[in-house]
Amino acid sequence: MDFERKEYAEEMRREELVRTIEHSVARLTLGELEALYYDMVAKDYIR
């Protein structure tokens, strides 16, 4: 039971972080988005 609770809490935290990142990314300019994209590609986060 304790493991399930920890797993649930981790998933909720993950969803919260994704929402925060989505909200922030939506407000970036085209240049900022391109810079972010190239940085993520260089770090192999995007393939």
PDB file of N, CA and C in Angstrom:
ATOM      1  N   MET A   1       0.830  -1.196   0.000  1.00  0.00           N
ATOM      2  CA  MET A   1       0.000   0.000   0.000  1.00  0.00           C
ATOM      3  C   MET A   1       0.870   1.254   0.000  1.00  0.00           C
ATOM      4  N   ASP A   2       1.913   1.282   0.814  1.00  0.00           N
ATOM      5  CA  ASP A   2       2.794   2.440   0.890  1.00  0.00           C
ATOM      6  C   ASP A   2       3.475   2.692  -0.448  1.00  0.00           C
ATOM      7  N   PHE A   3       3.861   1.621  -1.140  1.00  0.00           N
ATOM      8  CA  PHE A   3       4.488   1.757  -2.459  1.00  0.00           C
ATOM      9  C   PHE A   3       3.522   2.392  -3.451  1.00  0.00           C
ATOM     10  N   GLU A   4       2.267   1.984  -3.421  1.00  0.00           N
ATOM     11  CA  GLU A   4       1.261   2.547  -4.326  1.00  0.00           C
ATOM     12  C   GLU A   4       1.055   4.034  -4.051  1.00  0.00           C
ATOM     13  N   ARG A   5       1.068   4.421  -2.798  1.00  0.00           N
ATOM     14  CA  ARG A   5       0.896   5.820  -2.429  1.00  0.00           C
ATOM     15  C   ARG A   5       2.068   6.658  -2.939  1.00  0.00           C
ATOM     16  N   LYS A   6       3.274   6.136  -2.796  1.00  0.00           N
ATOM     17  CA  LYS A   6       4.463   6.843  -3.285  1.00  0.00           C
ATOM     18  C   LYS A   6       4.412   6.961  -4.806  1.00  0.00           C
ATOM     19  N   GLU A   7       4.039   5.904  -5.472  1.00  0.00           N
ATOM     20  CA  GLU A   7       3.929   5.912  -6.933  1.00  0.00           C
ATOM     21  C   GLU A   7       2.883   6.931  -7.387  1.00  0.00           C
ATOM     22  N   TYR A   8       1.757   6.993  -6.694  1.00  0.00           N
ATOM     23  CA  TYR A   8       0.705   7.960  -7.009  1.00  0.00           C
ATOM     24  C   TYR A   8       1.208   9.386  -6.809  1.00  0.00           C
ATOM     25  N   ALA A   9       1.914   9.632  -5.711  1.00  0.00           N
ATOM     26  CA  ALA A   9       2.441  10.962  -5.420  1.00  0.00           C
ATOM     27  C   ALA A   9       3.461  11.380  -6.478  1.00  0.00           C
ATOM     28  N   GLU A  10       4.287  10.450  -6.916  1.00  0.00           N
ATOM     29  CA  GLU A  10       5.266  10.751  -7.965  1.00  0.00           C
ATOM     30  C   GLU A  10       4.575  11.091  -9.281  1.00  0.00           C
ATOM     31  N   GLU A  11       3.535  10.361  -9.610  1.00  0.00           N
ATOM     32  CA  GLU A  11       2.797  10.622 -10.847  1.00  0.00           C
ATOM     33  C   GLU A  11       2.087  11.973 -10.786  1.00  0.00           C
ATOM     34  N   MET A  12       1.536  12.310  -9.638  1.00  0.00           N
ATOM     35  CA  MET A  12       0.893  13.619  -9.481  1.00  0.00           C
ATOM     36  C   MET A  12       1.923  14.743  -9.621  1.00  0.00           C
ATOM     37  N   ARG A  13       3.087  14.573  -9.047  1.00  0.00           N
ATOM     38  CA  ARG A  13       4.156  15.571  -9.155  1.00  0.00           C
ATOM     39  C   ARG A  13       4.599  15.714 -10.604  1.00  0.00           C
ATOM     40  N   ARG A  14       4.710  14.583 -11.298  1.00  0.00           N
ATOM     41  CA  ARG A  14       5.098  14.609 -12.705  1.00  0.00           C
ATOM     42  C   ARG A  14       4.083  15.391 -13.524  1.00  0.00           C
ATOM     43  N   GLU A  15       2.804  15.128 -13.304  1.00  0.00           N
ATOM     44  CA  GLU A  15       1.749  15.838 -14.028  1.00  0.00           C
ATOM     45  C   GLU A  15       1.788  17.338 -13.728  1.00  0.00           C
ATOM     46  N   GLU A  16       2.040  17.695 -12.480  1.00  0.00           N
ATOM     47  CA  GLU A  16       2.142  19.106 -12.103  1.00  0.00           C
ATOM     48  C   GLU A  16       3.304  19.782 -12.840  1.00  0.00           C
ATOM     49  N   LEU A  17       4.433  19.110 -12.901  1.00  0.00           N
ATOM     50  CA  LEU A  17       5.598  19.665 -13.596  1.00  0.00           C
ATOM     51  C   LEU A  17       5.335  19.818 -15.091  1.00  0.00           C
ATOM     52  N   VAL A  18       4.696  18.832 -15.692  1.00  0.00           N
ATOM     53  CA  VAL A  18       4.372  18.912 -17.116  1.00  0.00           C
ATOM     54  C   VAL A  18       3.442  20.092 -17.384  1.00  0.00           C
ATOM     55  N   ARG A  19       2.428  20.285 -16.559  1.00  0.00           N
ATOM     56  CA  ARG A  19       1.513  21.426 -16.725  1.00  0.00           C
ATOM     57  C   ARG A  19       2.255  22.748 -16.613  1.00  0.00           C
ATOM     58  N   THR A  20       3.140  22.853 -15.635  1.00  0.00           N
ATOM     59  CA  THR A  20       3.908  24.089 -15.438  1.00  0.00           C
ATOM     60  C   THR A  20       4.798  24.362 -16.644  1.00  0.00           C
ATOM     61  N   ILE A  21       5.465  23.340 -17.129  1.00  0.00           N
ATOM     62  CA  ILE A  21       6.339  23.498 -18.294  1.00  0.00           C
ATOM     63  C   ILE A  21       5.519  23.854 -19.528  1.00  0.00           C
ATOM     64  N   GLU A  22       4.394  23.186 -19.748  1.00  0.00           N
ATOM     65  CA  GLU A  22       3.533  23.502 -20.897  1.00  0.00           C
ATOM     66  C   GLU A  22       3.076  24.955 -20.860  1.00  0.00           C
ATOM     67  N   HIS A  23       2.684  25.412 -19.706  1.00  0.00           N
ATOM     68  CA  HIS A  23       2.217  26.784 -19.554  1.00  0.00           C
ATOM     69  C   HIS A  23       3.336  27.774 -19.888  1.00  0.00           C
ATOM     70  N   SER A  24       4.524  27.490 -19.400  1.00  0.00           N
ATOM     71  CA  SER A  24       5.667  28.375 -19.656  1.00  0.00           C
ATOM     72  C   SER A  24       6.080  28.355 -21.118  1.00  0.00           C
ATOM     73  N   VAL A  25       6.123  27.184 -21.713  1.00  0.00           N
ATOM     74  CA  VAL A  25       6.529  27.051 -23.114  1.00  0.00           C
ATOM     75  C   VAL A  25       5.539  27.762 -24.028  1.00  0.00           C
ATOM     76  N   ALA A  26       4.273  27.718 -23.700  1.00  0.00           N
ATOM     77  CA  ALA A  26       3.252  28.346 -24.532  1.00  0.00           C
ATOM     78  C   ALA A  26       3.451  29.853 -24.649  1.00  0.00           C
ATOM     79  N   ARG A  27       4.154  30.453 -23.708  1.00  0.00           N
ATOM     80  CA  ARG A  27       4.356  31.903 -23.727  1.00  0.00           C
ATOM     81  C   ARG A  27       5.687  32.330 -24.336  1.00  0.00           C
ATOM     82  N   LEU A  28       6.509  31.382 -24.771  1.00  0.00           N
ATOM     83  CA  LEU A  28       7.807  31.718 -25.355  1.00  0.00           C
ATOM     84  C   LEU A  28       7.648  32.289 -26.763  1.00  0.00           C
ATOM     85  N   THR A  29       8.597  33.128 -27.137  1.00  0.00           N
ATOM     86  CA  THR A  29       8.614  33.649 -28.505  1.00  0.00           C
ATOM     87  C   THR A  29       9.152  32.561 -29.436  1.00  0.00           C
ATOM     88  N   LEU A  30       9.028  32.785 -30.733  1.00  0.00           N
ATOM     89  CA  LEU A  30       9.535  31.823 -31.700  1.00  0.00           C
ATOM     90  C   LEU A  30      11.033  31.608 -31.508  1.00  0.00           C
ATOM     91  N   GLY A  31      11.776  32.678 -31.332  1.00  0.00           N
ATOM     92  CA  GLY A  31      13.213  32.552 -31.125  1.00  0.00           C
ATOM     93  C   GLY A  31      13.560  31.753 -29.880  1.00  0.00           C
ATOM     94  N   GLU A  32      12.819  31.986 -28.813  1.00  0.00           N
ATOM     95  CA  GLU A  32      13.047  31.246 -27.571  1.00  0.00           C
ATOM     96  C   GLU A  32      12.699  29.773 -27.746  1.00  0.00           C
ATOM     97  N   LEU A  33      11.622  29.498 -28.475  1.00  0.00           N
ATOM     98  CA  LEU A  33      11.243  28.108 -28.739  1.00  0.00           C
ATOM     99  C   LEU A  33      12.305  27.401 -29.566  1.00  0.00           C
ATOM    100  N   GLU A  34      12.825  28.088 -30.572  1.00  0.00           N
ATOM    101  CA  GLU A  34      13.870  27.481 -31.395  1.00  0.00           C
ATOM    102  C   GLU A  34      15.119  27.208 -30.566  1.00  0.00           C
ATOM    103  N   ALA A  35      15.504  28.137 -29.716  1.00  0.00           N
ATOM    104  CA  ALA A  35      16.673  27.937 -28.856  1.00  0.00           C
ATOM    105  C   ALA A  35      16.452  26.751 -27.918  1.00  0.00           C
ATOM    106  N   LEU A  36      15.274  26.667 -27.350  1.00  0.00           N
ATOM    107  CA  LEU A  36      14.942  25.553 -26.466  1.00  0.00           C
ATOM    108  C   LEU A  36      14.972  24.237 -27.228  1.00  0.00           C
ATOM    109  N   TYR A  37      14.404  24.234 -28.416  1.00  0.00           N
ATOM    110  CA  TYR A  37      14.378  23.039 -29.252  1.00  0.00           C
ATOM    111  C   TYR A  37      15.796  22.551 -29.552  1.00  0.00           C
ATOM    112  N   TYR A  38      16.651  23.451 -30.020  1.00  0.00           N
ATOM    113  CA  TYR A  38      18.009  23.055 -30.367  1.00  0.00           C
ATOM    114  C   TYR A  38      18.790  22.594 -29.148  1.00  0.00           C
ATOM    115  N   ASP A  39      18.557  23.216 -28.009  1.00  0.00           N
ATOM    116  CA  ASP A  39      19.207  22.788 -26.774  1.00  0.00           C
ATOM    117  C   ASP A  39      18.763  21.376 -26.399  1.00  0.00           C
ATOM    118  N   MET A  40      17.468  21.113 -26.516  1.00  0.00           N
ATOM    119  CA  MET A  40      16.948  19.786 -26.170  1.00  0.00           C
ATOM    120  C   MET A  40      17.431  18.722 -27.146  1.00  0.00           C
ATOM    121  N   VAL A  41      17.560  19.080 -28.431  1.00  0.00           N
ATOM    122  CA  VAL A  41      18.094  18.144 -29.415  1.00  0.00           C
ATOM    123  C   VAL A  41      19.560  17.847 -29.094  1.00  0.00           C
ATOM    124  N   ALA A  42      20.318  18.887 -28.777  1.00  0.00           N
ATOM    125  CA  ALA A  42      21.738  18.711 -28.472  1.00  0.00           C
ATOM    126  C   ALA A  42      21.941  17.815 -27.251  1.00  0.00           C
ATOM    127  N   LYS A  43      21.021  17.878 -26.302  1.00  0.00           N
ATOM    128  CA  LYS A  43      21.119  17.053 -25.091  1.00  0.00           C
ATOM    129  C   LYS A  43      20.424  15.711 -25.263  1.00  0.00           C
ATOM    130  N   ASP A  44      19.937  15.438 -26.473  1.00  0.00           N
ATOM    131  CA  ASP A  44      19.282  14.178 -26.833  1.00  0.00           C
ATOM    132  C   ASP A  44      17.982  13.932 -26.054  1.00  0.00           C
ATOM    133  N   TYR A  45      17.305  15.025 -25.641  1.00  0.00           N
ATOM    134  CA  TYR A  45      15.979  14.901 -25.028  1.00  0.00           C
ATOM    135  C   TYR A  45      14.921  14.729 -26.111  1.00  0.00           C
ATOM    136  N   ILE A  46      15.221  15.235 -27.311  1.00  0.00           N
ATOM    137  CA  ILE A  46      14.332  15.104 -28.468  1.00  0.00           C
ATOM    138  C   ILE A  46      15.116  14.339 -29.516  1.00  0.00           C
ATOM    139  N   ARG A  47      14.505  13.328 -30.073  1.00  0.00           N
ATOM    140  CA  ARG A  47      15.187  12.517 -31.085  1.00  0.00           C
ATOM    141  C   ARG A  47      14.453  12.572 -32.395  1.00  0.00           C
TER     142      ARG A  47
END
